[in-house]
Amino acid sequence: MGNRLKELRESQNLTAGYVSTELGMNRNMVAAYERGERTPSLKTLIKLAQFYNTSTDYILGLTVITNGQKKR
């Protein structure tokens, strides 16, 4: 999951600081999610999926499809 979150953030040229500000969370939490040190709550997972315009399944690694298109 952490790799997917980092990939999504970097593909949009965003910083962890920006993501944390937009979602109202601590920057260190965003970084911990990306490193796989922490697991977001269901509520936070949904917020992340909405922010990145993808599905929770994609973030969780259950599918390779994001935004209705296959990831290459």
N, C-alpha and C. Protein backbone atom coordinates (compact mmCIF):
# COMPACT_ATOMS: atom_id res chain seq x y z
N MET A 1 0.82 -1.19 0.00
CA MET A 1 0.00 0.00 0.00
C MET A 1 0.87 1.25 0.00
N GLY A 2 1.94 1.24 0.76
CA GLY A 2 2.81 2.41 0.83
C GLY A 2 3.38 2.80 -0.51
N ASN A 3 3.82 1.78 -1.28
CA ASN A 3 4.37 2.07 -2.60
C ASN A 3 3.33 2.71 -3.50
N ARG A 4 2.10 2.23 -3.42
CA ARG A 4 1.03 2.79 -4.25
C ARG A 4 0.78 4.26 -3.88
N LEU A 5 0.75 4.54 -2.58
CA LEU A 5 0.51 5.93 -2.15
C LEU A 5 1.62 6.85 -2.63
N LYS A 6 2.85 6.39 -2.50
CA LYS A 6 3.98 7.21 -2.95
C LYS A 6 3.94 7.39 -4.46
N GLU A 7 3.63 6.33 -5.18
CA GLU A 7 3.53 6.39 -6.64
C GLU A 7 2.45 7.39 -7.07
N LEU A 8 1.31 7.34 -6.43
CA LEU A 8 0.22 8.27 -6.75
C LEU A 8 0.64 9.71 -6.50
N ARG A 9 1.27 9.95 -5.36
CA ARG A 9 1.70 11.31 -5.02
C ARG A 9 2.73 11.81 -6.02
N GLU A 10 3.74 11.00 -6.28
CA GLU A 10 4.82 11.43 -7.18
C GLU A 10 4.34 11.58 -8.62
N SER A 11 3.38 10.75 -9.05
CA SER A 11 2.87 10.86 -10.43
C SER A 11 2.15 12.18 -10.66
N GLN A 12 1.72 12.81 -9.57
CA GLN A 12 1.04 14.11 -9.67
C GLN A 12 1.96 15.26 -9.26
N ASN A 13 3.25 14.93 -9.07
CA ASN A 13 4.26 15.93 -8.69
C ASN A 13 3.87 16.70 -7.43
N LEU A 14 3.41 15.95 -6.44
CA LEU A 14 3.00 16.56 -5.17
C LEU A 14 4.00 16.21 -4.08
N THR A 15 4.13 17.08 -3.11
CA THR A 15 4.97 16.79 -1.94
C THR A 15 4.10 16.18 -0.85
N ALA A 16 4.74 15.46 0.05
CA ALA A 16 4.02 14.90 1.19
C ALA A 16 3.44 16.04 2.03
N GLY A 17 4.14 17.15 2.11
CA GLY A 17 3.65 18.30 2.85
C GLY A 17 2.37 18.85 2.26
N TYR A 18 2.31 18.92 0.93
CA TYR A 18 1.10 19.41 0.27
C TYR A 18 -0.07 18.48 0.53
N VAL A 19 0.17 17.18 0.37
CA VAL A 19 -0.90 16.20 0.59
C VAL A 19 -1.42 16.29 2.02
N SER A 20 -0.50 16.38 2.97
CA SER A 20 -0.92 16.45 4.37
C SER A 20 -1.74 17.70 4.65
N THR A 21 -1.36 18.82 4.07
CA THR A 21 -2.11 20.06 4.25
C THR A 21 -3.51 19.96 3.65
N GLU A 22 -3.58 19.43 2.44
CA GLU A 22 -4.87 19.30 1.75
C GLU A 22 -5.82 18.35 2.49
N LEU A 23 -5.26 17.32 3.11
CA LEU A 23 -6.10 16.34 3.79
C LEU A 23 -6.23 16.60 5.28
N GLY A 24 -5.56 17.63 5.77
CA GLY A 24 -5.68 17.98 7.19
C GLY A 24 -5.04 16.97 8.11
N MET A 25 -3.90 16.45 7.70
CA MET A 25 -3.19 15.48 8.55
C MET A 25 -1.73 15.87 8.68
N ASN A 26 -1.06 15.21 9.59
CA ASN A 26 0.34 15.48 9.85
C ASN A 26 1.20 14.94 8.70
N ARG A 27 2.20 15.72 8.27
CA ARG A 27 3.08 15.30 7.19
C ARG A 27 3.78 14.00 7.52
N ASN A 28 4.15 13.82 8.78
CA ASN A 28 4.84 12.59 9.19
C ASN A 28 3.94 11.36 9.02
N MET A 29 2.63 11.54 9.16
CA MET A 29 1.70 10.43 8.96
C MET A 29 1.67 10.02 7.49
N VAL A 30 1.63 11.01 6.61
CA VAL A 30 1.64 10.72 5.17
C VAL A 30 2.90 9.94 4.82
N ALA A 31 4.03 10.38 5.33
CA ALA A 31 5.30 9.70 5.06
C ALA A 31 5.30 8.29 5.66
N ALA A 32 4.73 8.13 6.84
CA ALA A 32 4.68 6.80 7.49
C ALA A 32 3.78 5.85 6.70
N TYR A 33 2.69 6.36 6.14
CA TYR A 33 1.83 5.53 5.29
C TYR A 33 2.61 5.07 4.06
N GLU A 34 3.36 5.98 3.46
CA GLU A 34 4.12 5.66 2.25
C GLU A 34 5.26 4.68 2.53
N ARG A 35 5.82 4.74 3.70
CA ARG A 35 6.90 3.81 4.07
C ARG A 35 6.37 2.48 4.58
N GLY A 36 5.06 2.39 4.76
CA GLY A 36 4.46 1.17 5.26
C GLY A 36 4.62 0.98 6.75
N GLU A 37 4.96 2.03 7.45
CA GLU A 37 5.13 1.97 8.91
C GLU A 37 3.81 2.10 9.65
N ARG A 38 2.84 2.71 9.00
CA ARG A 38 1.50 2.90 9.59
C ARG A 38 0.47 2.54 8.54
N THR A 39 -0.70 2.15 9.01
CA THR A 39 -1.81 1.83 8.12
C THR A 39 -2.92 2.84 8.37
N PRO A 40 -3.40 3.49 7.30
CA PRO A 40 -4.46 4.48 7.51
C PRO A 40 -5.76 3.83 7.94
N SER A 41 -6.53 4.57 8.71
CA SER A 41 -7.87 4.10 9.08
C SER A 41 -8.73 4.04 7.81
N LEU A 42 -9.86 3.40 7.90
CA LEU A 42 -10.76 3.31 6.76
C LEU A 42 -11.16 4.71 6.29
N LYS A 43 -11.46 5.58 7.22
CA LYS A 43 -11.85 6.95 6.89
C LYS A 43 -10.73 7.66 6.13
N THR A 44 -9.50 7.50 6.59
CA THR A 44 -8.36 8.14 5.94
C THR A 44 -8.09 7.50 4.58
N LEU A 45 -8.23 6.19 4.48
CA LEU A 45 -8.05 5.49 3.21
C LEU A 45 -9.02 6.04 2.16
N ILE A 46 -10.25 6.25 2.54
CA ILE A 46 -11.25 6.80 1.63
C ILE A 46 -10.88 8.22 1.22
N LYS A 47 -10.42 9.03 2.18
CA LYS A 47 -9.99 10.39 1.87
C LYS A 47 -8.83 10.38 0.88
N LEU A 48 -7.88 9.47 1.06
CA LEU A 48 -6.74 9.37 0.16
C LEU A 48 -7.20 8.96 -1.24
N ALA A 49 -8.09 8.00 -1.33
CA ALA A 49 -8.60 7.55 -2.63
C ALA A 49 -9.32 8.69 -3.35
N GLN A 50 -10.13 9.43 -2.63
CA GLN A 50 -10.84 10.55 -3.24
C GLN A 50 -9.86 11.63 -3.68
N PHE A 51 -8.87 11.91 -2.85
CA PHE A 51 -7.88 12.93 -3.17
C PHE A 51 -7.12 12.58 -4.44
N TYR A 52 -6.70 11.32 -4.56
CA TYR A 52 -5.92 10.88 -5.71
C TYR A 52 -6.80 10.42 -6.88
N ASN A 53 -8.11 10.51 -6.73
CA ASN A 53 -9.06 10.14 -7.77
C ASN A 53 -8.83 8.69 -8.23
N THR A 54 -8.77 7.80 -7.27
CA THR A 54 -8.60 6.38 -7.55
C THR A 54 -9.47 5.59 -6.59
N SER A 55 -9.35 4.28 -6.64
CA SER A 55 -10.15 3.44 -5.75
C SER A 55 -9.34 2.99 -4.54
N THR A 56 -10.06 2.65 -3.50
CA THR A 56 -9.38 2.08 -2.34
C THR A 56 -8.76 0.74 -2.71
N ASP A 57 -9.39 0.00 -3.61
CA ASP A 57 -8.82 -1.27 -4.06
C ASP A 57 -7.45 -1.07 -4.70
N TYR A 58 -7.31 -0.01 -5.49
CA TYR A 58 -6.01 0.26 -6.11
C TYR A 58 -4.96 0.55 -5.03
N ILE A 59 -5.30 1.41 -4.10
CA ILE A 59 -4.36 1.75 -3.03
C ILE A 59 -3.97 0.51 -2.23
N LEU A 60 -4.93 -0.36 -1.98
CA LEU A 60 -4.67 -1.58 -1.20
C LEU A 60 -3.95 -2.66 -2.00
N GLY A 61 -3.78 -2.44 -3.30
CA GLY A 61 -3.08 -3.42 -4.13
C GLY A 61 -3.95 -4.57 -4.59
N LEU A 62 -5.27 -4.39 -4.53
CA LEU A 62 -6.20 -5.45 -4.93
C LEU A 62 -6.50 -5.43 -6.42
N THR A 63 -6.13 -4.35 -7.09
CA THR A 63 -6.34 -4.22 -8.53
C THR A 63 -5.21 -3.40 -9.13
N VAL A 64 -5.00 -3.57 -10.42
CA VAL A 64 -4.00 -2.76 -11.11
C VAL A 64 -4.69 -1.67 -11.93
N ILE A 65 -5.99 -1.53 -11.72
CA ILE A 65 -6.77 -0.53 -12.46
C ILE A 65 -6.95 0.71 -11.58
N THR A 66 -6.58 1.86 -12.14
CA THR A 66 -6.79 3.13 -11.45
C THR A 66 -7.51 4.08 -12.39
N ASN A 67 -8.46 4.83 -11.89
CA ASN A 67 -9.23 5.78 -12.70
C ASN A 67 -9.90 5.11 -13.89
N GLY A 68 -10.29 3.86 -13.75
CA GLY A 68 -10.96 3.18 -14.83
C GLY A 68 -10.05 2.67 -15.94
N GLN A 69 -8.74 2.84 -15.78
CA GLN A 69 -7.80 2.39 -16.80
C GLN A 69 -6.73 1.51 -16.16
N LYS A 70 -6.26 0.54 -16.92
CA LYS A 70 -5.19 -0.32 -16.42
C LYS A 70 -3.90 0.47 -16.27
N LYS A 71 -3.19 0.19 -15.21
CA LYS A 71 -1.87 0.75 -14.97
C LYS A 71 -0.87 -0.01 -15.82
N ARG A 72 0.00 0.66 -16.51
CA ARG A 72 1.01 -0.02 -17.33
C ARG A 72 2.35 -0.05 -16.66
